[in-house]
Amino acid sequence: MARNFFSEIKMIPTVSRYLISSGGKRFRPLLLLLCAKLGGYSGPHAIPMASSIEFIHTATLLHDDVVDRAFLRRGLASANSVYGDGASVLVGDFLFTKAFSMVVQGESLKILEVVSHSTTRMAEGEVMQLVKMGNPETTEEDYRYVVINKTAILISAACQIGGVLGGVSPEKEKALADFGLNVGIAFQLMDDTLDYIADEKTLGKTIGKDLIEGKVTLPLIHALRMCPPTDRERLAGIVKNHNRTDEDLKQVMRLVQDLAGIEYTVKRAAGYVDQAQAALSAFPASPEKEALLAVSDYTLKRKK
């Protein structure tokens, strides 16, 4: 990764290095490498492909923080707050195009198709999220569309690419893609619960950030659905109000917890993990399969 974000324009490696060296779970590269090993691949392309997926993910983080006006990322000042919005957007563009350059070097049209398809859908998910911002009428199906396209589709692509590298059958390739999609949905659902219940220092970003930005996620959707009419009207008014006070935010967070929005979301996430693990039944027992099962279990237990 360090080798591939080199540029003679010093701002590019500076901003890239700042975000990449600030931490992160490397969740998507991990899954790609494990799926490639599960398929029996031991060639030279797995690490470059894993790096390209992380570059795409990093580019979206740079762009997201500008769109969301976020000032904290992984417990540190976000890149846009340090270097400015313009630098974040343009360096994100560099990482995005560099990722495609790395994919092309892998000389696999199938992998290029998978990456192109997933990045197109990611853009659609981002726009859908923007359209639904601050809308208390957002349905669970609307939310699921955003989660699948904005987050889960790249995780699915990482797993599918591992299968493509390993030359697995079309059925097993689909199984890996399904595994990644369901793990990705569960991962985002749990991330959305943490916005209401985590410790800010542990999480590495502002608690209530989604609510502050007007993002209507599943814990809130469930609370709106379960509210008595008078409470719902008040809750919907807070969601639509761009000038929410701290007391408004505390009230919403209390209602989400009192109306079991967290429990409902965790239950839904557990269901997606079950589906992910069922998809791996297409593969015989192996250390790589056990590791993938452990990763899927981790999505329900993580604290950041």
Protein backbone atom coordinates (compact mmCIF):
# COMPACT_ATOMS: atom_id res chain seq x y z
CA MET A 1 0.00 0.00 0.00
CA ALA A 2 2.79 2.43 0.91
CA ARG A 3 4.48 1.77 -2.42
CA ASN A 4 1.32 2.43 -4.39
CA PHE A 5 0.31 5.74 -2.87
CA PHE A 6 3.67 7.25 -3.80
CA SER A 7 3.45 10.41 -5.90
CA GLU A 8 5.75 13.31 -6.69
CA ILE A 9 2.94 15.58 -5.45
CA LYS A 10 3.76 15.46 -1.74
CA MET A 11 0.22 16.17 -0.60
CA ILE A 12 -0.94 12.80 -1.97
CA PRO A 13 1.28 10.47 0.09
CA THR A 14 1.00 12.81 3.08
CA VAL A 15 -2.79 12.66 3.27
CA SER A 16 -2.92 8.97 2.26
CA ARG A 17 -0.35 7.99 4.85
CA TYR A 18 -2.12 10.04 7.53
CA LEU A 19 -5.38 8.13 7.15
CA ILE A 20 -3.95 4.69 6.44
CA SER A 21 -1.43 4.85 9.30
CA SER A 22 -4.11 6.01 11.75
CA GLY A 23 -5.30 2.44 12.19
CA GLY A 24 -8.34 0.58 10.96
CA LYS A 25 -9.20 -3.09 11.03
CA ARG A 26 -8.14 -3.90 7.41
CA PHE A 27 -11.35 -5.93 7.45
CA ARG A 28 -11.84 -6.11 3.68
CA PRO A 29 -8.23 -7.12 2.81
CA LEU A 30 -8.37 -9.73 5.56
CA LEU A 31 -11.45 -11.32 4.03
CA LEU A 32 -10.01 -11.26 0.51
CA LEU A 33 -6.80 -12.97 1.61
CA LEU A 34 -8.67 -15.60 3.62
CA CYS A 35 -11.08 -16.35 0.75
CA ALA A 36 -8.18 -16.65 -1.69
CA LYS A 37 -6.48 -19.13 0.64
CA LEU A 38 -9.77 -20.98 1.11
CA GLY A 39 -9.85 -21.40 -2.68
CA GLY A 40 -6.30 -22.74 -2.69
CA TYR A 41 -4.65 -19.65 -4.18
CA SER A 42 -0.98 -19.00 -3.40
CA GLY A 43 0.03 -16.72 -6.28
CA PRO A 44 1.30 -13.12 -6.36
CA HIS A 45 -1.95 -11.22 -6.96
CA ALA A 46 -3.77 -11.60 -3.63
CA ILE A 47 -1.94 -8.83 -1.76
CA PRO A 48 -2.22 -6.25 -4.59
CA MET A 49 -5.93 -7.03 -4.96
CA ALA A 50 -6.44 -6.76 -1.18
CA SER A 51 -4.58 -3.44 -1.21
CA SER A 52 -6.72 -2.12 -4.05
CA ILE A 53 -9.89 -2.91 -2.08
CA GLU A 54 -8.48 -1.04 0.94
CA PHE A 55 -7.63 1.91 -1.31
CA ILE A 56 -11.25 2.06 -2.49
CA HIS A 57 -12.48 1.88 1.09
CA THR A 58 -10.02 4.61 2.17
CA ALA A 59 -11.11 6.83 -0.72
CA THR A 60 -14.73 6.54 0.39
CA LEU A 61 -13.75 7.48 3.96
CA LEU A 62 -12.01 10.61 2.71
CA HIS A 63 -15.07 11.57 0.67
CA ASP A 64 -17.56 10.62 3.41
CA ASP A 65 -15.90 12.81 6.01
CA VAL A 66 -16.18 15.80 3.70
CA VAL A 67 -19.85 15.12 2.89
CA ASP A 68 -20.68 14.44 6.56
CA ARG A 69 -18.59 17.34 7.90
CA ALA A 70 -16.90 14.85 10.23
CA PHE A 71 -13.94 15.97 12.32
CA LEU A 72 -12.97 12.70 13.99
CA ARG A 73 -11.87 9.44 12.35
CA ARG A 74 -10.37 6.43 14.20
CA GLY A 75 -9.89 8.55 17.30
CA LEU A 76 -7.85 11.22 15.48
CA ALA A 77 -8.67 14.43 13.66
CA SER A 78 -10.14 13.51 10.27
CA ALA A 79 -8.02 14.21 7.20
CA ASN A 80 -10.38 16.95 6.02
CA SER A 81 -10.07 18.79 9.32
CA VAL A 82 -6.26 18.64 9.09
CA TYR A 83 -5.64 19.20 5.38
CA GLY A 84 -8.93 20.70 4.19
CA ASP A 85 -11.89 19.45 2.18
CA GLY A 86 -10.24 19.98 -1.20
CA ALA A 87 -7.20 17.86 -0.35
CA SER A 88 -9.39 15.08 1.05
CA VAL A 89 -11.62 14.91 -2.02
CA LEU A 90 -8.75 15.01 -4.51
CA VAL A 91 -6.54 12.53 -2.66
CA GLY A 92 -9.60 10.28 -2.38
CA ASP A 93 -9.91 10.52 -6.17
CA PHE A 94 -6.23 9.57 -6.51
CA LEU A 95 -6.65 6.48 -4.30
CA PHE A 96 -9.79 5.48 -6.17
CA THR A 97 -8.15 5.66 -9.60
CA LYS A 98 -4.97 4.04 -8.26
CA ALA A 99 -7.05 1.13 -7.02
CA PHE A 100 -8.35 0.50 -10.54
CA SER A 101 -4.81 0.72 -11.90
CA MET A 102 -3.77 -2.00 -9.46
CA VAL A 103 -6.76 -4.16 -10.40
CA VAL A 104 -5.90 -3.87 -14.10
CA GLN A 105 -2.37 -5.09 -13.34
CA GLY A 106 -3.95 -8.28 -11.98
CA GLU A 107 -4.90 -9.11 -15.60
CA SER A 108 -8.32 -10.50 -14.68
CA LEU A 109 -11.33 -9.11 -16.52
CA LYS A 110 -13.62 -10.90 -14.03
CA ILE A 111 -12.05 -9.11 -11.06
CA LEU A 112 -12.27 -5.80 -12.91
CA GLU A 113 -15.98 -6.47 -13.53
CA VAL A 114 -16.55 -7.26 -9.85
CA VAL A 115 -14.80 -4.09 -8.69
CA SER A 116 -16.52 -1.89 -11.29
CA HIS A 117 -19.95 -3.28 -10.38
CA SER A 118 -19.40 -2.83 -6.66
CA THR A 119 -18.06 0.72 -6.88
CA THR A 120 -21.00 1.79 -9.06
CA ARG A 121 -23.39 0.41 -6.46
CA MET A 122 -21.44 2.11 -3.66
CA ALA A 123 -22.02 5.47 -5.35
CA GLU A 124 -25.74 4.68 -5.62
CA GLY A 125 -25.84 3.80 -1.92
CA GLU A 126 -24.15 7.07 -1.00
CA VAL A 127 -26.66 9.09 -3.03
CA MET A 128 -29.61 7.16 -1.58
CA GLN A 129 -28.33 7.89 1.92
CA LEU A 130 -28.09 11.58 1.03
CA VAL A 131 -31.65 11.58 -0.32
CA LYS A 132 -33.00 9.97 2.87
CA MET A 133 -31.08 12.24 5.25
CA GLY A 134 -33.30 13.62 8.00
CA ASN A 135 -36.37 11.76 6.71
CA PRO A 136 -38.32 10.05 9.55
CA GLU A 137 -40.37 8.17 6.92
CA THR A 138 -37.30 6.14 5.91
CA THR A 139 -38.29 2.47 5.88
CA GLU A 140 -36.28 -0.54 6.89
CA GLU A 141 -36.14 -1.50 3.20
CA ASP A 142 -34.72 1.94 2.33
CA TYR A 143 -32.12 1.47 5.04
CA ARG A 144 -31.25 -2.02 3.84
CA TYR A 145 -30.69 -0.67 0.32
CA VAL A 146 -28.21 1.90 1.67
CA VAL A 147 -26.40 -0.66 3.83
CA ILE A 148 -26.05 -3.20 1.03
CA ASN A 149 -24.83 -0.72 -1.54
CA LYS A 150 -22.79 1.66 0.60
CA THR A 151 -21.03 -0.90 2.80
CA ALA A 152 -21.78 -4.57 2.21
CA ILE A 153 -21.19 -4.66 -1.55
CA LEU A 154 -17.45 -3.92 -1.24
CA ILE A 155 -17.06 -6.57 1.47
CA SER A 156 -18.90 -9.00 -0.81
CA ALA A 157 -16.58 -8.04 -3.68
CA ALA A 158 -13.50 -8.68 -1.52
CA CYS A 159 -14.70 -12.22 -0.74
CA GLN A 160 -15.73 -12.93 -4.34
CA ILE A 161 -12.35 -11.73 -5.65
CA GLY A 162 -10.66 -14.20 -3.32
CA GLY A 163 -12.72 -16.95 -4.91
CA VAL A 164 -11.91 -15.73 -8.43
CA LEU A 165 -8.19 -15.82 -7.61
CA GLY A 166 -8.59 -19.34 -6.25
CA GLY A 167 -10.41 -20.50 -9.39
CA VAL A 168 -13.34 -21.90 -7.41
CA SER A 169 -16.53 -23.06 -9.13
CA PRO A 170 -19.27 -20.51 -9.96
CA GLU A 171 -21.36 -21.96 -7.11
CA LYS A 172 -18.57 -21.48 -4.58
CA GLU A 173 -17.76 -18.03 -5.94
CA LYS A 174 -21.39 -17.04 -5.34
CA ALA A 175 -21.25 -18.58 -1.86
CA LEU A 176 -18.26 -16.37 -1.00
CA ALA A 177 -20.00 -13.30 -2.40
CA ASP A 178 -23.10 -14.14 -0.32
CA PHE A 179 -20.95 -14.68 2.76
CA GLY A 180 -19.36 -11.26 2.31
CA LEU A 181 -22.66 -9.52 1.63
CA ASN A 182 -24.29 -10.88 4.79
CA VAL A 183 -21.23 -10.22 6.93
CA GLY A 184 -21.14 -6.69 5.50
CA ILE A 185 -24.78 -6.05 6.39
CA ALA A 186 -24.23 -7.37 9.93
CA PHE A 187 -21.06 -5.28 10.24
CA GLN A 188 -22.95 -2.06 9.37
CA LEU A 189 -25.94 -2.88 11.57
CA MET A 190 -23.65 -3.32 14.56
CA ASP A 191 -21.79 -0.14 13.63
CA ASP A 192 -25.11 1.70 13.74
CA THR A 193 -25.88 0.38 17.23
CA LEU A 194 -22.47 1.58 18.45
CA ASP A 195 -23.43 5.12 17.45
CA TYR A 196 -26.01 5.00 20.26
CA ILE A 197 -24.25 2.99 22.97
CA ALA A 198 -20.45 2.95 22.55
CA ASP A 199 -17.84 4.87 24.48
CA GLU A 200 -16.53 7.71 22.28
CA LYS A 201 -12.89 7.08 23.20
CA THR A 202 -13.20 3.39 22.30
CA LEU A 203 -15.24 3.94 19.15
CA GLY A 204 -12.87 6.59 17.79
CA LYS A 205 -15.61 8.87 16.49
CA THR A 206 -18.27 11.15 17.92
CA ILE A 207 -21.12 9.28 19.64
CA GLY A 208 -24.47 10.23 18.10
CA LYS A 209 -22.68 11.28 14.91
CA ASP A 210 -25.24 9.57 12.66
CA LEU A 211 -28.08 11.30 14.47
CA ILE A 212 -26.33 14.68 14.35
CA GLU A 213 -25.91 14.27 10.58
CA GLY A 214 -29.55 13.26 10.13
CA LYS A 215 -28.83 9.63 9.20
CA VAL A 216 -31.86 7.47 9.94
CA THR A 217 -30.44 4.05 10.83
CA LEU A 218 -32.18 0.86 11.96
CA PRO A 219 -32.21 1.52 15.74
CA LEU A 220 -34.01 4.81 15.06
CA ILE A 221 -36.30 3.32 12.38
CA HIS A 222 -37.44 0.68 14.87
CA ALA A 223 -37.99 3.29 17.60
CA LEU A 224 -40.09 5.42 15.22
CA ARG A 225 -42.09 2.31 14.29
CA MET A 226 -42.76 1.36 17.94
CA CYS A 227 -43.47 4.86 19.29
CA PRO A 228 -46.91 5.88 20.57
CA PRO A 229 -48.31 8.54 18.19
CA THR A 230 -47.49 11.52 20.45
CA ASP A 231 -43.89 10.37 21.02
CA ARG A 232 -43.49 9.59 17.32
CA GLU A 233 -44.53 13.08 16.32
CA ARG A 234 -41.99 14.57 18.71
CA LEU A 235 -39.27 12.12 17.62
CA ALA A 236 -39.96 12.74 13.92
CA GLY A 237 -39.78 16.48 14.52
CA ILE A 238 -36.33 16.14 16.07
CA VAL A 239 -35.11 13.99 13.16
CA LYS A 240 -36.31 16.60 10.63
CA ASN A 241 -34.92 19.58 12.58
CA HIS A 242 -31.46 20.61 11.35
CA ASN A 243 -30.88 22.66 14.53
CA ARG A 244 -31.11 19.86 17.05
CA THR A 245 -30.06 20.70 20.60
CA ASP A 246 -28.01 18.42 22.86
CA GLU A 247 -31.18 17.76 24.82
CA ASP A 248 -32.97 16.70 21.61
CA LEU A 249 -30.19 14.22 20.86
CA LYS A 250 -30.27 12.80 24.39
CA GLN A 251 -34.04 12.40 24.14
CA VAL A 252 -33.76 10.45 20.87
CA MET A 253 -31.03 8.23 22.27
CA ARG A 254 -33.15 7.48 25.34
CA LEU A 255 -36.18 6.61 23.20
CA VAL A 256 -34.10 4.36 20.93
CA GLN A 257 -32.89 2.41 23.95
CA ASP A 258 -36.27 2.37 25.76
CA LEU A 259 -38.08 1.12 22.63
CA ALA A 260 -35.56 -1.71 22.07
CA GLY A 261 -34.06 -0.25 18.91
CA ILE A 262 -30.64 -1.60 19.87
CA GLU A 263 -31.90 -5.10 20.69
CA TYR A 264 -33.88 -5.28 17.45
CA THR A 265 -30.88 -4.25 15.37
CA VAL A 266 -28.56 -6.72 17.10
CA LYS A 267 -31.09 -9.50 16.49
CA ARG A 268 -31.28 -8.60 12.80
CA ALA A 269 -27.47 -8.54 12.60
CA ALA A 270 -27.29 -12.00 14.18
CA GLY A 271 -29.67 -13.27 11.50
CA TYR A 272 -27.36 -12.00 8.76
CA VAL A 273 -24.37 -13.65 10.44
CA ASP A 274 -26.30 -16.94 10.45
CA GLN A 275 -26.90 -16.53 6.69
CA ALA A 276 -23.23 -15.74 6.13
CA GLN A 277 -22.10 -18.84 7.99
CA ALA A 278 -24.62 -21.02 6.15
CA ALA A 279 -23.11 -19.84 2.83
CA LEU A 280 -19.76 -21.33 3.86
CA SER A 281 -21.31 -24.81 4.07
CA ALA A 282 -20.26 -25.11 0.41
CA PHE A 283 -16.65 -25.48 1.63
CA PRO A 284 -15.06 -28.33 3.57
CA ALA A 285 -13.52 -27.74 7.00
CA SER A 286 -10.18 -25.92 6.95
CA PRO A 287 -8.25 -23.35 9.04
CA GLU A 288 -9.30 -20.66 6.54
CA LYS A 289 -12.98 -21.56 6.89
CA GLU A 290 -12.68 -21.47 10.69
CA ALA A 291 -11.05 -18.05 10.45
CA LEU A 292 -13.87 -16.74 8.25
CA LEU A 293 -16.46 -18.08 10.69
CA ALA A 294 -14.58 -16.35 13.51
CA VAL A 295 -14.56 -13.08 11.58
CA SER A 296 -18.32 -13.30 11.08
CA ASP A 297 -18.81 -13.91 14.82
CA TYR A 298 -16.60 -10.90 15.54
CA THR A 299 -19.03 -8.56 13.78
CA LEU A 300 -21.51 -9.11 16.62
CA LYS A 301 -18.99 -8.57 19.40
CA ARG A 302 -16.92 -5.61 18.28
CA LYS A 303 -16.82 -2.43 20.34
CA LYS A 304 -15.37 -0.13 17.66
